[in-house]
PDB file of N, CA and C in Angstrom:
ATOM      1  N   MET A   1      18.315  11.440 -11.784  1.00  0.00           N
ATOM      2  CA  MET A   1      17.035  12.137 -11.757  1.00  0.00           C
ATOM      3  C   MET A   1      15.953  11.167 -11.303  1.00  0.00           C
ATOM      4  N   SER A   2      15.104  11.585 -10.386  1.00  0.00           N
ATOM      5  CA  SER A   2      14.085  10.695  -9.864  1.00  0.00           C
ATOM      6  C   SER A   2      12.845  10.695 -10.757  1.00  0.00           C
ATOM      7  N   ASP A   3      12.106   9.607 -10.673  1.00  0.00           N
ATOM      8  CA  ASP A   3      10.881   9.432 -11.451  1.00  0.00           C
ATOM      9  C   ASP A   3       9.761  10.242 -10.794  1.00  0.00           C
ATOM     10  N   PRO A   4       9.130  11.176 -11.518  1.00  0.00           N
ATOM     11  CA  PRO A   4       8.075  11.989 -10.911  1.00  0.00           C
ATOM     12  C   PRO A   4       6.843  11.173 -10.521  1.00  0.00           C
ATOM     13  N   ALA A   5       6.676   9.987 -11.099  1.00  0.00           N
ATOM     14  CA  ALA A   5       5.528   9.143 -10.754  1.00  0.00           C
ATOM     15  C   ALA A   5       5.810   8.265  -9.542  1.00  0.00           C
ATOM     16  N   ALA A   6       7.062   8.251  -9.084  1.00  0.00           N
ATOM     17  CA  ALA A   6       7.423   7.406  -7.950  1.00  0.00           C
ATOM     18  C   ALA A   6       6.734   7.886  -6.682  1.00  0.00           C
ATOM     19  N   MET A   7       6.277   6.935  -5.900  1.00  0.00           N
ATOM     20  CA  MET A   7       5.618   7.255  -4.646  1.00  0.00           C
ATOM     21  C   MET A   7       6.670   7.584  -3.592  1.00  0.00           C
ATOM     22  N   LYS A   8       6.414   8.603  -2.818  1.00  0.00           N
ATOM     23  CA  LYS A   8       7.307   9.029  -1.737  1.00  0.00           C
ATOM     24  C   LYS A   8       6.682   8.667  -0.388  1.00  0.00           C
ATOM     25  N   ALA A   9       7.534   8.542   0.626  1.00  0.00           N
ATOM     26  CA  ALA A   9       7.069   8.178   1.965  1.00  0.00           C
ATOM     27  C   ALA A   9       6.049   9.182   2.499  1.00  0.00           C
ATOM     28  N   ASP A  10       6.310  10.468   2.307  1.00  0.00           N
ATOM     29  CA  ASP A  10       5.376  11.492   2.806  1.00  0.00           C
ATOM     30  C   ASP A  10       4.002  11.363   2.151  1.00  0.00           C
ATOM     31  N   GLU A  11       4.006  11.017   0.888  1.00  0.00           N
ATOM     32  CA  GLU A  11       2.745  10.842   0.170  1.00  0.00           C
ATOM     33  C   GLU A  11       1.962   9.652   0.734  1.00  0.00           C
ATOM     34  N   LEU A  12       2.655   8.542   0.978  1.00  0.00           N
ATOM     35  CA  LEU A  12       1.980   7.372   1.545  1.00  0.00           C
ATOM     36  C   LEU A  12       1.475   7.674   2.948  1.00  0.00           C
ATOM     37  N   ARG A  13       2.269   8.395   3.710  1.00  0.00           N
ATOM     38  CA  ARG A  13       1.878   8.744   5.077  1.00  0.00           C
ATOM     39  C   ARG A  13       0.585   9.566   5.080  1.00  0.00           C
ATOM     40  N   ALA A  14       0.367  10.372   4.045  1.00  0.00           N
ATOM     41  CA  ALA A  14      -0.802  11.251   3.973  1.00  0.00           C
ATOM     42  C   ALA A  14      -2.052  10.575   3.397  1.00  0.00           C
ATOM     43  N   VAL A  15      -1.917   9.359   2.882  1.00  0.00           N
ATOM     44  CA  VAL A  15      -3.053   8.670   2.261  1.00  0.00           C
ATOM     45  C   VAL A  15      -4.152   8.403   3.288  1.00  0.00           C
ATOM     46  N   GLN A  16      -5.375   8.695   2.893  1.00  0.00           N
ATOM     47  CA  GLN A  16      -6.542   8.380   3.712  1.00  0.00           C
ATOM     48  C   GLN A  16      -7.483   7.535   2.856  1.00  0.00           C
ATOM     49  N   LEU A  17      -7.511   6.269   3.131  1.00  0.00           N
ATOM     50  CA  LEU A  17      -8.327   5.343   2.350  1.00  0.00           C
ATOM     51  C   LEU A  17      -9.788   5.455   2.753  1.00  0.00           C
ATOM     52  N   GLY A  18     -10.641   5.409   1.757  1.00  0.00           N
ATOM     53  CA  GLY A  18     -12.070   5.478   2.004  1.00  0.00           C
ATOM     54  C   GLY A  18     -12.668   4.107   2.310  1.00  0.00           C
ATOM     55  N   ARG A  19     -13.944   4.109   2.524  1.00  0.00           N
ATOM     56  CA  ARG A  19     -14.698   2.885   2.795  1.00  0.00           C
ATOM     57  C   ARG A  19     -15.412   2.458   1.514  1.00  0.00           C
ATOM     58  N   PRO A  20     -15.697   1.180   1.368  1.00  0.00           N
ATOM     59  CA  PRO A  20     -16.432   0.729   0.181  1.00  0.00           C
ATOM     60  C   PRO A  20     -17.873   1.229   0.214  1.00  0.00           C
ATOM     61  N   GLY A  21     -18.524   1.134  -0.935  1.00  0.00           N
ATOM     62  CA  GLY A  21     -19.916   1.557  -1.023  1.00  0.00           C
ATOM     63  C   GLY A  21     -20.820   0.797  -0.059  1.00  0.00           C
ATOM     64  N   TRP A  22     -21.980   1.367   0.167  1.00  0.00           N
ATOM     65  CA  TRP A  22     -22.948   0.786   1.098  1.00  0.00           C
ATOM     66  C   TRP A  22     -23.256  -0.660   0.732  1.00  0.00           C
ATOM     67  N   GLY A  23     -23.244  -1.534   1.722  1.00  0.00           N
ATOM     68  CA  GLY A  23     -23.567  -2.938   1.519  1.00  0.00           C
ATOM     69  C   GLY A  23     -22.397  -3.786   1.046  1.00  0.00           C
ATOM     70  N   ARG A  24     -21.233  -3.179   0.881  1.00  0.00           N
ATOM     71  CA  ARG A  24     -20.050  -3.918   0.432  1.00  0.00           C
ATOM     72  C   ARG A  24     -19.037  -3.994   1.560  1.00  0.00           C
ATOM     73  N   LYS A  25     -18.259  -5.057   1.555  1.00  0.00           N
ATOM     74  CA  LYS A  25     -17.162  -5.232   2.509  1.00  0.00           C
ATOM     75  C   LYS A  25     -15.854  -4.962   1.801  1.00  0.00           C
ATOM     76  N   GLY A  26     -14.963  -4.269   2.468  1.00  0.00           N
ATOM     77  CA  GLY A  26     -13.651  -3.982   1.906  1.00  0.00           C
ATOM     78  C   GLY A  26     -12.588  -4.838   2.570  1.00  0.00           C
ATOM     79  N   TYR A  27     -11.348  -4.494   2.278  1.00  0.00           N
ATOM     80  CA  TYR A  27     -10.210  -5.218   2.842  1.00  0.00           C
ATOM     81  C   TYR A  27     -10.083  -4.938   4.341  1.00  0.00           C
ATOM     82  N   SER A  28      -9.549  -5.916   5.045  1.00  0.00           N
ATOM     83  CA  SER A  28      -9.309  -5.806   6.480  1.00  0.00           C
ATOM     84  C   SER A  28      -8.446  -4.586   6.793  1.00  0.00           C
ATOM     85  N   ILE A  29      -8.938  -3.733   7.648  1.00  0.00           N
ATOM     86  CA  ILE A  29      -8.214  -2.531   8.028  1.00  0.00           C
ATOM     87  C   ILE A  29      -6.894  -2.889   8.709  1.00  0.00           C
ATOM     88  N   VAL A  30      -6.920  -3.845   9.601  1.00  0.00           N
ATOM     89  CA  VAL A  30      -5.707  -4.247  10.329  1.00  0.00           C
ATOM     90  C   VAL A  30      -4.648  -4.771   9.366  1.00  0.00           C
ATOM     91  N   GLU A  31      -5.038  -5.631   8.433  1.00  0.00           N
ATOM     92  CA  GLU A  31      -4.079  -6.207   7.490  1.00  0.00           C
ATOM     93  C   GLU A  31      -3.503  -5.145   6.543  1.00  0.00           C
ATOM     94  N   VAL A  32      -4.375  -4.311   5.992  1.00  0.00           N
ATOM     95  CA  VAL A  32      -3.919  -3.272   5.057  1.00  0.00           C
ATOM     96  C   VAL A  32      -2.998  -2.290   5.778  1.00  0.00           C
ATOM     97  N   ASP A  33      -3.397  -1.829   6.949  1.00  0.00           N
ATOM     98  CA  ASP A  33      -2.587  -0.850   7.673  1.00  0.00           C
ATOM     99  C   ASP A  33      -1.220  -1.419   8.054  1.00  0.00           C
ATOM    100  N   ALA A  34      -1.176  -2.688   8.434  1.00  0.00           N
ATOM    101  CA  ALA A  34       0.106  -3.327   8.769  1.00  0.00           C
ATOM    102  C   ALA A  34       1.000  -3.403   7.534  1.00  0.00           C
ATOM    103  N   PHE A  35       0.419  -3.755   6.396  1.00  0.00           N
ATOM    104  CA  PHE A  35       1.213  -3.840   5.172  1.00  0.00           C
ATOM    105  C   PHE A  35       1.690  -2.454   4.745  1.00  0.00           C
ATOM    106  N   LEU A  36       0.838  -1.457   4.876  1.00  0.00           N
ATOM    107  CA  LEU A  36       1.233  -0.107   4.488  1.00  0.00           C
ATOM    108  C   LEU A  36       2.324   0.440   5.408  1.00  0.00           C
ATOM    109  N   ALA A  37       2.364  -0.014   6.649  1.00  0.00           N
ATOM    110  CA  ALA A  37       3.469   0.369   7.546  1.00  0.00           C
ATOM    111  C   ALA A  37       4.786  -0.195   7.019  1.00  0.00           C
ATOM    112  N   ARG A  38       4.754  -1.431   6.539  1.00  0.00           N
ATOM    113  CA  ARG A  38       5.952  -2.021   5.910  1.00  0.00           C
ATOM    114  C   ARG A  38       6.334  -1.240   4.655  1.00  0.00           C
ATOM    115  N   ALA A  39       5.334  -0.846   3.885  1.00  0.00           N
ATOM    116  CA  ALA A  39       5.584  -0.088   2.660  1.00  0.00           C
ATOM    117  C   ALA A  39       6.201   1.271   2.990  1.00  0.00           C
ATOM    118  N   LEU A  40       5.731   1.900   4.051  1.00  0.00           N
ATOM    119  CA  LEU A  40       6.289   3.181   4.470  1.00  0.00           C
ATOM    120  C   LEU A  40       7.761   3.023   4.846  1.00  0.00           C
ATOM    121  N   ASP A  41       8.085   1.958   5.562  1.00  0.00           N
ATOM    122  CA  ASP A  41       9.483   1.678   5.898  1.00  0.00           C
ATOM    123  C   ASP A  41      10.315   1.494   4.634  1.00  0.00           C
ATOM    124  N   ALA A  42       9.758   0.807   3.646  1.00  0.00           N
ATOM    125  CA  ALA A  42      10.479   0.568   2.388  1.00  0.00           C
ATOM    126  C   ALA A  42      10.720   1.870   1.631  1.00  0.00           C
ATOM    127  N   LEU A  43       9.719   2.734   1.568  1.00  0.00           N
ATOM    128  CA  LEU A  43       9.884   4.009   0.871  1.00  0.00           C
ATOM    129  C   LEU A  43      10.868   4.921   1.608  1.00  0.00           C
ATOM    130  N   THR A  44      10.847   4.861   2.926  1.00  0.00           N
ATOM    131  CA  THR A  44      11.804   5.631   3.719  1.00  0.00           C
ATOM    132  C   THR A  44      13.222   5.132   3.450  1.00  0.00           C
ATOM    133  N   ALA A  45      13.392   3.808   3.386  1.00  0.00           N
ATOM    134  CA  ALA A  45      14.705   3.235   3.073  1.00  0.00           C
ATOM    135  C   ALA A  45      15.188   3.709   1.702  1.00  0.00           C
ATOM    136  N   LEU A  46      14.303   3.703   0.722  1.00  0.00           N
ATOM    137  CA  LEU A  46      14.688   4.178  -0.611  1.00  0.00           C
ATOM    138  C   LEU A  46      15.147   5.640  -0.574  1.00  0.00           C
ATOM    139  N   ALA A  47      14.420   6.458   0.170  1.00  0.00           N
ATOM    140  CA  ALA A  47      14.780   7.875   0.270  1.00  0.00           C
ATOM    141  C   ALA A  47      16.154   8.053   0.910  1.00  0.00           C
ATOM    142  N   LEU A  48      16.512   7.139   1.794  1.00  0.00           N
ATOM    143  CA  LEU A  48      17.813   7.181   2.465  1.00  0.00           C
ATOM    144  C   LEU A  48      18.880   6.401   1.704  1.00  0.00           C
ATOM    145  N   ARG A  49      18.515   5.959   0.490  1.00  0.00           N
ATOM    146  CA  ARG A  49      19.408   5.190  -0.385  1.00  0.00           C
ATOM    147  C   ARG A  49      19.862   3.874   0.247  1.00  0.00           C
ATOM    148  N   ARG A  50      18.907   3.249   0.927  1.00  0.00           N
ATOM    149  CA  ARG A  50      19.134   1.931   1.522  1.00  0.00           C
ATOM    150  C   ARG A  50      18.238   0.920   0.812  1.00  0.00           C
ATOM    151  N   ALA A  51      18.583  -0.340   0.977  1.00  0.00           N
ATOM    152  CA  ALA A  51      17.770  -1.396   0.371  1.00  0.00           C
ATOM    153  C   ALA A  51      16.463  -1.546   1.155  1.00  0.00           C
ATOM    154  N   PRO A  52      15.324  -1.510   0.471  1.00  0.00           N
ATOM    155  CA  PRO A  52      14.047  -1.691   1.164  1.00  0.00           C
ATOM    156  C   PRO A  52      13.861  -3.142   1.596  1.00  0.00           C
ATOM    157  N   GLN A  53      13.161  -3.334   2.692  1.00  0.00           N
ATOM    158  CA  GLN A  53      12.875  -4.675   3.191  1.00  0.00           C
ATOM    159  C   GLN A  53      11.531  -5.185   2.682  1.00  0.00           C
ATOM    160  N   LEU A  54      11.110  -4.679   1.549  1.00  0.00           N
ATOM    161  CA  LEU A  54       9.874  -5.080   0.887  1.00  0.00           C
ATOM    162  C   LEU A  54      10.156  -5.043  -0.604  1.00  0.00           C
ATOM    163  N   THR A  55       9.747  -6.086  -1.313  1.00  0.00           N
ATOM    164  CA  THR A  55      10.014  -6.140  -2.750  1.00  0.00           C
ATOM    165  C   THR A  55       8.751  -5.874  -3.553  1.00  0.00           C
ATOM    166  N   ALA A  56       8.960  -5.524  -4.813  1.00  0.00           N
ATOM    167  CA  ALA A  56       7.830  -5.325  -5.722  1.00  0.00           C
ATOM    168  C   ALA A  56       7.028  -6.613  -5.863  1.00  0.00           C
ATOM    169  N   ASP A  57       7.712  -7.757  -5.868  1.00  0.00           N
ATOM    170  CA  ASP A  57       7.005  -9.039  -5.970  1.00  0.00           C
ATOM    171  C   ASP A  57       6.125  -9.292  -4.754  1.00  0.00           C
ATOM    172  N   GLU A  58       6.582  -8.902  -3.562  1.00  0.00           N
ATOM    173  CA  GLU A  58       5.761  -9.060  -2.358  1.00  0.00           C
ATOM    174  C   GLU A  58       4.507  -8.188  -2.446  1.00  0.00           C
ATOM    175  N   VAL A  59       4.674  -6.992  -2.971  1.00  0.00           N
ATOM    176  CA  VAL A  59       3.522  -6.099  -3.140  1.00  0.00           C
ATOM    177  C   VAL A  59       2.536  -6.720  -4.128  1.00  0.00           C
ATOM    178  N   GLN A  60       3.064  -7.250  -5.213  1.00  0.00           N
ATOM    179  CA  GLN A  60       2.210  -7.849  -6.241  1.00  0.00           C
ATOM    180  C   GLN A  60       1.433  -9.047  -5.695  1.00  0.00           C
ATOM    181  N   LYS A  61       2.034  -9.809  -4.806  1.00  0.00           N
ATOM    182  CA  LYS A  61       1.422 -11.054  -4.322  1.00  0.00           C
ATOM    183  C   LYS A  61       0.568 -10.901  -3.068  1.00  0.00           C
ATOM    184  N   VAL A  62       0.594  -9.739  -2.427  1.00  0.00           N
ATOM    185  CA  VAL A  62      -0.144  -9.591  -1.173  1.00  0.00           C
ATOM    186  C   VAL A  62      -1.646  -9.736  -1.407  1.00  0.00           C
ATOM    187  N   ARG A  63      -2.304 -10.388  -0.486  1.00  0.00           N
ATOM    188  CA  ARG A  63      -3.761 -10.567  -0.517  1.00  0.00           C
ATOM    189  C   ARG A  63      -4.307 -10.234   0.864  1.00  0.00           C
ATOM    190  N   PHE A  64      -5.427  -9.557   0.888  1.00  0.00           N
ATOM    191  CA  PHE A  64      -6.048  -9.174   2.141  1.00  0.00           C
ATOM    192  C   PHE A  64      -7.412  -9.844   2.267  1.00  0.00           C
ATOM    193  N   ARG A  65      -7.747 -10.210   3.485  1.00  0.00           N
ATOM    194  CA  ARG A  65      -9.084 -10.751   3.732  1.00  0.00           C
ATOM    195  C   ARG A  65     -10.093  -9.617   3.783  1.00  0.00           C
ATOM    196  N   LYS A  66     -11.351  -9.980   3.602  1.00  0.00           N
ATOM    197  CA  LYS A  66     -12.437  -9.009   3.753  1.00  0.00           C
ATOM    198  C   LYS A  66     -12.625  -8.735   5.243  1.00  0.00           C
ATOM    199  N   GLU A  67     -13.100  -7.559   5.552  1.00  0.00           N
ATOM    200  CA  GLU A  67     -13.368  -7.197   6.938  1.00  0.00           C
ATOM    201  C   GLU A  67     -14.462  -8.129   7.466  1.00  0.00           C
ATOM    202  N   PRO A  68     -14.250  -8.725   8.647  1.00  0.00           N
ATOM    203  CA  PRO A  68     -15.253  -9.652   9.188  1.00  0.00           C
ATOM    204  C   PRO A  68     -16.568  -8.949   9.552  1.00  0.00           C
ATOM    205  N   PHE A  69     -17.627  -9.717   9.586  1.00  0.00           N
ATOM    206  CA  PHE A  69     -18.942  -9.210   9.963  1.00  0.00           C
ATOM    207  C   PHE A  69     -18.852  -8.548  11.335  1.00  0.00           C
ATOM    208  N   GLY A  70     -19.477  -7.380  11.445  1.00  0.00           N
ATOM    209  CA  GLY A  70     -19.521  -6.680  12.719  1.00  0.00           C
ATOM    210  C   GLY A  70     -18.295  -5.818  12.993  1.00  0.00           C
ATOM    211  N   ARG A  71     -17.355  -5.758  12.062  1.00  0.00           N
ATOM    212  CA  ARG A  71     -16.118  -4.994  12.282  1.00  0.00           C
ATOM    213  C   ARG A  71     -16.030  -3.763  11.378  1.00  0.00           C
ATOM    214  N   GLY A  72     -17.119  -3.386  10.755  1.00  0.00           N
ATOM    215  CA  GLY A  72     -17.096  -2.244   9.850  1.00  0.00           C
ATOM    216  C   GLY A  72     -16.958  -2.706   8.408  1.00  0.00           C
ATOM    217  N   ARG A  73     -16.828  -1.746   7.524  1.00  0.00           N
ATOM    218  CA  ARG A  73     -16.791  -2.084   6.096  1.00  0.00           C
ATOM    219  C   ARG A  73     -15.385  -2.278   5.554  1.00  0.00           C
ATOM    220  N   GLY A  74     -14.363  -1.826   6.251  1.00  0.00           N
ATOM    221  CA  GLY A  74     -12.993  -2.010   5.785  1.00  0.00           C
ATOM    222  C   GLY A  74     -12.543  -0.912   4.848  1.00  0.00           C
ATOM    223  N   HIS A  75     -11.375  -1.121   4.239  1.00  0.00           N
ATOM    224  CA  HIS A  75     -10.816  -0.170   3.277  1.00  0.00           C
ATOM    225  C   HIS A  75     -11.336  -0.482   1.881  1.00  0.00           C
ATOM    226  N   ASP A  76     -11.617   0.558   1.111  1.00  0.00           N
ATOM    227  CA  ASP A  76     -12.092   0.415  -0.255  1.00  0.00           C
ATOM    228  C   ASP A  76     -11.073  -0.363  -1.088  1.00  0.00           C
ATOM    229  N   GLU A  77     -11.504  -1.458  -1.693  1.00  0.00           N
ATOM    230  CA  GLU A  77     -10.603  -2.332  -2.446  1.00  0.00           C
ATOM    231  C   GLU A  77      -9.958  -1.631  -3.637  1.00  0.00           C
ATOM    232  N   ASP A  78     -10.729  -0.852  -4.376  1.00  0.00           N
ATOM    233  CA  ASP A  78     -10.182  -0.183  -5.556  1.00  0.00           C
ATOM    234  C   ASP A  78      -9.086   0.812  -5.173  1.00  0.00           C
ATOM    235  N   GLN A  79      -9.287   1.550  -4.089  1.00  0.00           N
ATOM    236  CA  GLN A  79      -8.283   2.505  -3.638  1.00  0.00           C
ATOM    237  C   GLN A  79      -7.009   1.784  -3.186  1.00  0.00           C
ATOM    238  N   VAL A  80      -7.174   0.710  -2.429  1.00  0.00           N
ATOM    239  CA  VAL A  80      -6.017  -0.060  -1.960  1.00  0.00           C
ATOM    240  C   VAL A  80      -5.274  -0.655  -3.144  1.00  0.00           C
ATOM    241  N   ASP A  81      -5.996  -1.239  -4.080  1.00  0.00           N
ATOM    242  CA  ASP A  81      -5.358  -1.857  -5.245  1.00  0.00           C
ATOM    243  C   ASP A  81      -4.578  -0.835  -6.070  1.00  0.00           C
ATOM    244  N   ALA A  82      -5.141   0.359  -6.261  1.00  0.00           N
ATOM    245  CA  ALA A  82      -4.449   1.402  -7.018  1.00  0.00           C
ATOM    246  C   ALA A  82      -3.178   1.849  -6.284  1.00  0.00           C
ATOM    247  N   LEU A  83      -3.267   1.955  -4.983  1.00  0.00           N
ATOM    248  CA  LEU A  83      -2.109   2.324  -4.175  1.00  0.00           C
ATOM    249  C   LEU A  83      -1.016   1.258  -4.277  1.00  0.00           C
ATOM    250  N   LEU A  84      -1.418  -0.004  -4.210  1.00  0.00           N
ATOM    251  CA  LEU A  84      -0.452  -1.095  -4.322  1.00  0.00           C
ATOM    252  C   LEU A  84       0.188  -1.143  -5.703  1.00  0.00           C
ATOM    253  N   ASP A  85      -0.578  -0.863  -6.747  1.00  0.00           N
ATOM    254  CA  ASP A  85      -0.007  -0.829  -8.104  1.00  0.00           C
ATOM    255  C   ASP A  85       1.091   0.219  -8.194  1.00  0.00           C
ATOM    256  N   ARG A  86       0.831   1.373  -7.646  1.00  0.00           N
ATOM    257  CA  ARG A  86       1.824   2.452  -7.690  1.00  0.00           C
ATOM    258  C   ARG A  86       3.038   2.125  -6.830  1.00  0.00           C
ATOM    259  N   LEU A  87       2.801   1.537  -5.670  1.00  0.00           N
ATOM    260  CA  LEU A  87       3.898   1.125  -4.788  1.00  0.00           C
ATOM    261  C   LEU A  87       4.765   0.068  -5.469  1.00  0.00           C
ATOM    262  N   GLU A  88       4.111  -0.901  -6.091  1.00  0.00           N
ATOM    263  CA  GLU A  88       4.861  -1.944  -6.804  1.00  0.00           C
ATOM    264  C   GLU A  88       5.738  -1.334  -7.897  1.00  0.00           C
ATOM    265  N   LEU A  89       5.183  -0.422  -8.676  1.00  0.00           N
ATOM    266  CA  LEU A  89       5.943   0.220  -9.745  1.00  0.00           C
ATOM    267  C   LEU A  89       7.135   1.004  -9.183  1.00  0.00           C
ATOM    268  N   THR A  90       6.907   1.702  -8.081  1.00  0.00           N
ATOM    269  CA  THR A  90       7.986   2.464  -7.441  1.00  0.00           C
ATOM    270  C   THR A  90       9.119   1.545  -7.006  1.00  0.00           C
ATOM    271  N   LEU A  91       8.778   0.439  -6.344  1.00  0.00           N
ATOM    272  CA  LEU A  91       9.813  -0.486  -5.860  1.00  0.00           C
ATOM    273  C   LEU A  91      10.513  -1.182  -7.017  1.00  0.00           C
ATOM    274  N   ARG A  92       9.750  -1.560  -8.028  1.00  0.00           N
ATOM    275  CA  ARG A  92      10.343  -2.265  -9.181  1.00  0.00           C
ATOM    276  C   ARG A  92      11.314  -1.332  -9.922  1.00  0.00           C
ATOM    277  N   THR A  93      10.933  -0.089 -10.096  1.00  0.00           N
ATOM    278  CA  THR A  93      11.782   0.874 -10.799  1.00  0.00           C
ATOM    279  C   THR A  93      13.028   1.219  -9.977  1.00  0.00           C
ATOM    280  N   ALA A  94      12.855   1.381  -8.681  1.00  0.00           N
ATOM    281  CA  ALA A  94      13.954   1.794  -7.815  1.00  0.00           C
ATOM    282  C   ALA A  94      15.000   0.698  -7.620  1.00  0.00           C
ATOM    283  N   THR A  95      14.569  -0.541  -7.719  1.00  0.00           N
ATOM    284  CA  THR A  95      15.496  -1.640  -7.458  1.00  0.00           C
ATOM    285  C   THR A  95      15.920  -2.355  -8.753  1.00  0.00           C
ATOM    286  N   ALA A  96      15.569  -1.768  -9.894  1.00  0.00           N
ATOM    287  CA  ALA A  96      15.917  -2.380 -11.177  1.00  0.00           C
ATOM    288  C   ALA A  96      17.380  -2.157 -11.516  1.00  0.00           C
TER     289      ALA A  96
END
């Protein structure tokens, strides 16, 4: 039986991250989007009952730079962090 709190690939694919509040800089869009592409591959692998090429420890340790000046505000840090927490839990539970 699968965990109802586990994140699915379709759910991650549908995520639309917001921007931080006015005057704040968020995480680099390029870095976050690249990492989430890896996460999508990992969730797809889990759905196909294959070993993911991303670990819960990698999710826990990932760090993103702030969006540079003149490049927009970036992705909202709180939203990204909450998404990563759920992704980490999904990978940790699935590979335990």
